[in-house]
Amino acid sequence: KVRVSPDGKHVAFVRLDPVNGAGDIWVLDVASRIENRFTSNPGYDWVPVWSPDGAQMAFASSRDSRMDLYRRSVDGTEPEQLLLKSDKRKIPTDWSRDSELLFFQQEEPTCGWDLWVVRMSGEPEALPVLQSGFNESGGALSPDGNWLAYTSDETGHDEV
């Protein structure tokens, strides 16, 4: 999945490493057309999500187990941080406009994907947003932060 930075000057994307087959996140500077490798490890890094100010990126990575959540500053001034690790697959979907919350979907063994949120300041704490016996995925906040759009298969078909 390709993601454009909030200012429109950069594009984050995943490229497979030809040597080890791992996926890493790269960032393209649109003006100069220069590409820089953002992640580099033997796991698969994917689904980059820009913070609203463009200073950080959250992403999913399989480097230690199932897909866990990480974040890293775009300018490299802060070290990469593991946000949430568990035996369940997790994929980031959106940030709150104040960058305090990261929305993500988490795969539950009994009911599929559910929507969760993790606090970005202090000790990371994950809280459920929407859990049901159906798949809920792709949570995205409205620009004013009052609504959450998502996909659900409750009717038997994927619907927003």
C-alpha atoms as a PDB file:
ATOM      1  CA  LYS A   1       0.000   0.000   0.000  1.00  0.00           C
ATOM      2  CA  VAL A   2       1.325   3.421  -0.951  1.00  0.00           C
ATOM      3  CA  ARG A   3       0.860   6.282   1.544  1.00  0.00           C
ATOM      4  CA  VAL A   4       1.395   9.983   0.827  1.00  0.00           C
ATOM      5  CA  SER A   5       2.739  12.204   3.621  1.00  0.00           C
ATOM      6  CA  PRO A   6       0.367  14.876   5.006  1.00  0.00           C
ATOM      7  CA  ASP A   7       2.281  17.636   3.187  1.00  0.00           C
ATOM      8  CA  GLY A   8       2.249  15.676  -0.087  1.00  0.00           C
ATOM      9  CA  LYS A   9       6.041  15.835  -0.419  1.00  0.00           C
ATOM     10  CA  HIS A  10       6.843  12.186   0.342  1.00  0.00           C
ATOM     11  CA  VAL A  11       5.449   8.776  -0.511  1.00  0.00           C
ATOM     12  CA  ALA A  12       5.953   5.688   1.666  1.00  0.00           C
ATOM     13  CA  PHE A  13       5.816   2.277   0.020  1.00  0.00           C
ATOM     14  CA  VAL A  14       6.978  -1.310   0.528  1.00  0.00           C
ATOM     15  CA  ARG A  15       9.700  -2.877  -1.603  1.00  0.00           C
ATOM     16  CA  LEU A  16      10.832  -6.488  -1.434  1.00  0.00           C
ATOM     17  CA  ASP A  17      14.536  -7.030  -0.816  1.00  0.00           C
ATOM     18  CA  PRO A  18      15.897  -9.106  -3.733  1.00  0.00           C
ATOM     19  CA  VAL A  19      18.408 -10.863  -1.476  1.00  0.00           C
ATOM     20  CA  ASN A  20      16.270 -12.070   1.453  1.00  0.00           C
ATOM     21  CA  GLY A  21      12.730 -11.474   0.150  1.00  0.00           C
ATOM     22  CA  ALA A  22      11.800  -9.349   3.162  1.00  0.00           C
ATOM     23  CA  GLY A  23       9.608  -6.320   2.701  1.00  0.00           C
ATOM     24  CA  ASP A  24      10.978  -2.977   3.817  1.00  0.00           C
ATOM     25  CA  ILE A  25       9.436   0.475   3.848  1.00  0.00           C
ATOM     26  CA  TRP A  26      10.970   3.085   1.565  1.00  0.00           C
ATOM     27  CA  VAL A  27      10.256   6.813   1.333  1.00  0.00           C
ATOM     28  CA  LEU A  28      10.312   8.706  -1.940  1.00  0.00           C
ATOM     29  CA  ASP A  29      10.958  12.461  -1.971  1.00  0.00           C
ATOM     30  CA  VAL A  30       8.546  13.535  -4.708  1.00  0.00           C
ATOM     31  CA  ALA A  31      10.469  16.667  -5.770  1.00  0.00           C
ATOM     32  CA  SER A  32      13.934  15.100  -6.026  1.00  0.00           C
ATOM     33  CA  ARG A  33      12.728  11.557  -6.841  1.00  0.00           C
ATOM     34  CA  ILE A  34      15.258  10.231  -4.342  1.00  0.00           C
ATOM     35  CA  GLU A  35      14.274   7.053  -2.514  1.00  0.00           C
ATOM     36  CA  ASN A  36      15.493   6.296   1.012  1.00  0.00           C
ATOM     37  CA  ARG A  37      15.145   3.028   2.865  1.00  0.00           C
ATOM     38  CA  PHE A  38      13.104   3.629   6.036  1.00  0.00           C
ATOM     39  CA  THR A  39      13.298   0.118   7.554  1.00  0.00           C
ATOM     40  CA  SER A  40      15.853  -2.630   7.158  1.00  0.00           C
ATOM     41  CA  ASN A  41      15.545  -5.959   8.906  1.00  0.00           C
ATOM     42  CA  PRO A  42      14.955  -9.613   7.996  1.00  0.00           C
ATOM     43  CA  GLY A  43      11.226  -9.412   8.833  1.00  0.00           C
ATOM     44  CA  TYR A  44       8.446  -8.064   6.675  1.00  0.00           C
ATOM     45  CA  ASP A  45       7.631  -4.384   7.341  1.00  0.00           C
ATOM     46  CA  TRP A  46       4.492  -3.018   5.734  1.00  0.00           C
ATOM     47  CA  VAL A  47       1.399  -0.795   5.984  1.00  0.00           C
ATOM     48  CA  PRO A  48       3.151   2.497   6.758  1.00  0.00           C
ATOM     49  CA  VAL A  49       0.840   5.129   8.269  1.00  0.00           C
ATOM     50  CA  TRP A  50       2.054   8.749   8.539  1.00  0.00           C
ATOM     51  CA  SER A  51       1.366  10.724  11.703  1.00  0.00           C
ATOM     52  CA  PRO A  52      -0.764  13.844  11.043  1.00  0.00           C
ATOM     53  CA  ASP A  53       2.277  16.135  11.279  1.00  0.00           C
ATOM     54  CA  GLY A  54       4.371  13.841   9.070  1.00  0.00           C
ATOM     55  CA  ALA A  55       7.069  13.499  11.747  1.00  0.00           C
ATOM     56  CA  GLN A  56       6.514   9.785  12.457  1.00  0.00           C
ATOM     57  CA  MET A  57       5.376   6.634  10.768  1.00  0.00           C
ATOM     58  CA  ALA A  58       3.679   3.650  12.345  1.00  0.00           C
ATOM     59  CA  PHE A  59       3.924   0.296  10.610  1.00  0.00           C
ATOM     60  CA  ALA A  60       3.402  -3.432  11.043  1.00  0.00           C
ATOM     61  CA  SER A  61       6.366  -5.797  11.194  1.00  0.00           C
ATOM     62  CA  SER A  62       6.839  -9.550  11.480  1.00  0.00           C
ATOM     63  CA  ARG A  63      10.465  -9.263  12.639  1.00  0.00           C
ATOM     64  CA  ASP A  64       9.890 -10.945  16.030  1.00  0.00           C
ATOM     65  CA  SER A  65       6.589 -12.768  15.730  1.00  0.00           C
ATOM     66  CA  ARG A  66       3.220 -12.139  14.199  1.00  0.00           C
ATOM     67  CA  MET A  67       2.625  -8.642  12.897  1.00  0.00           C
ATOM     68  CA  ASP A  68       3.414  -6.223  15.717  1.00  0.00           C
ATOM     69  CA  LEU A  69       3.165  -2.423  15.741  1.00  0.00           C
ATOM     70  CA  TYR A  70       6.188  -0.138  15.562  1.00  0.00           C
ATOM     71  CA  ARG A  71       6.800   3.574  15.110  1.00  0.00           C
ATOM     72  CA  ARG A  72       9.808   5.570  14.005  1.00  0.00           C
ATOM     73  CA  SER A  73      10.580   9.239  13.504  1.00  0.00           C
ATOM     74  CA  VAL A  74      10.863  10.101   9.832  1.00  0.00           C
ATOM     75  CA  ASP A  75      13.979  12.240  10.281  1.00  0.00           C
ATOM     76  CA  GLY A  76      15.760   9.506  12.272  1.00  0.00           C
ATOM     77  CA  THR A  77      16.244  11.625  15.401  1.00  0.00           C
ATOM     78  CA  GLU A  78      14.388   9.146  17.605  1.00  0.00           C
ATOM     79  CA  PRO A  79      15.005   5.395  17.726  1.00  0.00           C
ATOM     80  CA  GLU A  80      12.453   2.973  16.407  1.00  0.00           C
ATOM     81  CA  GLN A  81       9.962   1.924  19.084  1.00  0.00           C
ATOM     82  CA  LEU A  82       7.972  -1.271  19.511  1.00  0.00           C
ATOM     83  CA  LEU A  83       4.456  -0.075  20.331  1.00  0.00           C
ATOM     84  CA  LEU A  84       2.559  -3.300  20.799  1.00  0.00           C
ATOM     85  CA  LYS A  85       3.633  -6.932  20.786  1.00  0.00           C
ATOM     86  CA  SER A  86       1.360  -9.943  21.188  1.00  0.00           C
ATOM     87  CA  ASP A  87       0.576 -13.264  19.589  1.00  0.00           C
ATOM     88  CA  LYS A  88      -2.128 -11.601  17.443  1.00  0.00           C
ATOM     89  CA  ARG A  89      -1.578  -9.960  14.050  1.00  0.00           C
ATOM     90  CA  LYS A  90      -1.964  -6.178  14.076  1.00  0.00           C
ATOM     91  CA  ILE A  91      -2.118  -3.639  11.243  1.00  0.00           C
ATOM     92  CA  PRO A  92      -2.137   0.165  11.754  1.00  0.00           C
ATOM     93  CA  THR A  93      -4.937   2.061  10.028  1.00  0.00           C
ATOM     94  CA  ASP A  94      -4.965   5.729  11.155  1.00  0.00           C
ATOM     95  CA  TRP A  95      -3.796   8.301  13.739  1.00  0.00           C
ATOM     96  CA  SER A  96      -5.901  10.743  15.698  1.00  0.00           C
ATOM     97  CA  ARG A  97      -5.314  14.331  14.535  1.00  0.00           C
ATOM     98  CA  ASP A  98      -3.432  15.150  17.763  1.00  0.00           C
ATOM     99  CA  SER A  99      -1.151  12.086  17.225  1.00  0.00           C
ATOM    100  CA  GLU A 100      -2.129  10.732  20.670  1.00  0.00           C
ATOM    101  CA  LEU A 101      -3.951   7.627  19.405  1.00  0.00           C
ATOM    102  CA  LEU A 102      -3.071   5.059  16.775  1.00  0.00           C
ATOM    103  CA  PHE A 103      -5.955   3.031  15.412  1.00  0.00           C
ATOM    104  CA  PHE A 104      -5.248  -0.510  14.285  1.00  0.00           C
ATOM    105  CA  GLN A 105      -6.994  -3.731  13.409  1.00  0.00           C
ATOM    106  CA  GLN A 106      -6.184  -6.888  15.333  1.00  0.00           C
ATOM    107  CA  GLU A 107      -6.954 -10.432  14.282  1.00  0.00           C
ATOM    108  CA  GLU A 108      -8.872 -12.435  16.871  1.00  0.00           C
ATOM    109  CA  PRO A 109      -8.800 -16.235  16.512  1.00  0.00           C
ATOM    110  CA  THR A 110     -12.531 -16.705  17.108  1.00  0.00           C
ATOM    111  CA  CYS A 111     -14.077 -13.795  15.215  1.00  0.00           C
ATOM    112  CA  GLY A 112     -11.616 -12.281  12.716  1.00  0.00           C
ATOM    113  CA  TRP A 113     -10.485  -8.647  12.684  1.00  0.00           C
ATOM    114  CA  ASP A 114     -11.517  -6.086  15.315  1.00  0.00           C
ATOM    115  CA  LEU A 115     -10.683  -2.394  15.683  1.00  0.00           C
ATOM    116  CA  TRP A 116      -8.429  -1.218  18.497  1.00  0.00           C
ATOM    117  CA  VAL A 117      -6.557   1.903  19.555  1.00  0.00           C
ATOM    118  CA  VAL A 118      -3.222   2.360  21.350  1.00  0.00           C
ATOM    119  CA  ARG A 119      -2.100   5.468  23.240  1.00  0.00           C
ATOM    120  CA  MET A 120       1.067   6.969  21.809  1.00  0.00           C
ATOM    121  CA  SER A 121       2.283   8.835  24.903  1.00  0.00           C
ATOM    122  CA  GLY A 122       3.301   7.310  28.196  1.00  0.00           C
ATOM    123  CA  GLU A 123       3.026   3.568  28.559  1.00  0.00           C
ATOM    124  CA  PRO A 124       1.331   2.136  25.433  1.00  0.00           C
ATOM    125  CA  GLU A 125      -2.130   0.891  26.329  1.00  0.00           C
ATOM    126  CA  ALA A 126      -4.325  -0.919  23.797  1.00  0.00           C
ATOM    127  CA  LEU A 127      -8.097  -0.577  24.087  1.00  0.00           C
ATOM    128  CA  PRO A 128     -10.828  -2.160  21.953  1.00  0.00           C
ATOM    129  CA  VAL A 129     -12.893   0.201  19.809  1.00  0.00           C
ATOM    130  CA  LEU A 130     -15.178  -2.240  18.002  1.00  0.00           C
ATOM    131  CA  GLN A 131     -15.402  -5.967  18.636  1.00  0.00           C
ATOM    132  CA  SER A 132     -18.019  -8.322  17.256  1.00  0.00           C
ATOM    133  CA  GLY A 133     -18.389 -11.748  15.716  1.00  0.00           C
ATOM    134  CA  PHE A 134     -17.683 -10.171  12.319  1.00  0.00           C
ATOM    135  CA  ASN A 135     -14.638  -8.620  10.654  1.00  0.00           C
ATOM    136  CA  GLU A 136     -14.109  -4.896  11.227  1.00  0.00           C
ATOM    137  CA  SER A 137     -11.125  -3.415   9.447  1.00  0.00           C
ATOM    138  CA  GLY A 138      -9.572  -0.303   7.923  1.00  0.00           C
ATOM    139  CA  GLY A 139     -10.652   2.159  10.615  1.00  0.00           C
ATOM    140  CA  ALA A 140     -10.181   5.769   9.461  1.00  0.00           C
ATOM    141  CA  LEU A 141     -11.077   8.916  11.395  1.00  0.00           C
ATOM    142  CA  SER A 142     -13.041  11.772   9.878  1.00  0.00           C
ATOM    143  CA  PRO A 143     -11.062  15.045   9.583  1.00  0.00           C
ATOM    144  CA  ASP A 144     -12.808  16.458  12.684  1.00  0.00           C
ATOM    145  CA  GLY A 145     -12.109  13.248  14.641  1.00  0.00           C
ATOM    146  CA  ASN A 146     -15.769  12.692  15.519  1.00  0.00           C
ATOM    147  CA  TRP A 147     -16.466   9.703  13.264  1.00  0.00           C
ATOM    148  CA  LEU A 148     -14.715   6.431  12.495  1.00  0.00           C
ATOM    149  CA  ALA A 149     -15.304   4.853   9.095  1.00  0.00           C
ATOM    150  CA  TYR A 150     -14.530   1.151   8.776  1.00  0.00           C
ATOM    151  CA  THR A 151     -15.314  -1.926   6.722  1.00  0.00           C
ATOM    152  CA  SER A 152     -17.522  -4.671   8.144  1.00  0.00           C
ATOM    153  CA  ASP A 153     -18.730  -7.987   6.743  1.00  0.00           C
ATOM    154  CA  GLU A 154     -21.710  -8.202   9.107  1.00  0.00           C
ATOM    155  CA  THR A 155     -24.156  -8.385   6.169  1.00  0.00           C
ATOM    156  CA  GLY A 156     -22.141 -11.112   4.448  1.00  0.00           C
ATOM    157  CA  HIS A 157     -20.429  -8.574   2.169  1.00  0.00           C
ATOM    158  CA  ASP A 158     -17.717  -6.028   2.891  1.00  0.00           C
ATOM    159  CA  GLU A 159     -19.424  -2.682   3.428  1.00  0.00           C
ATOM    160  CA  VAL A 160     -18.267   0.684   4.795  1.00  0.00           C
END
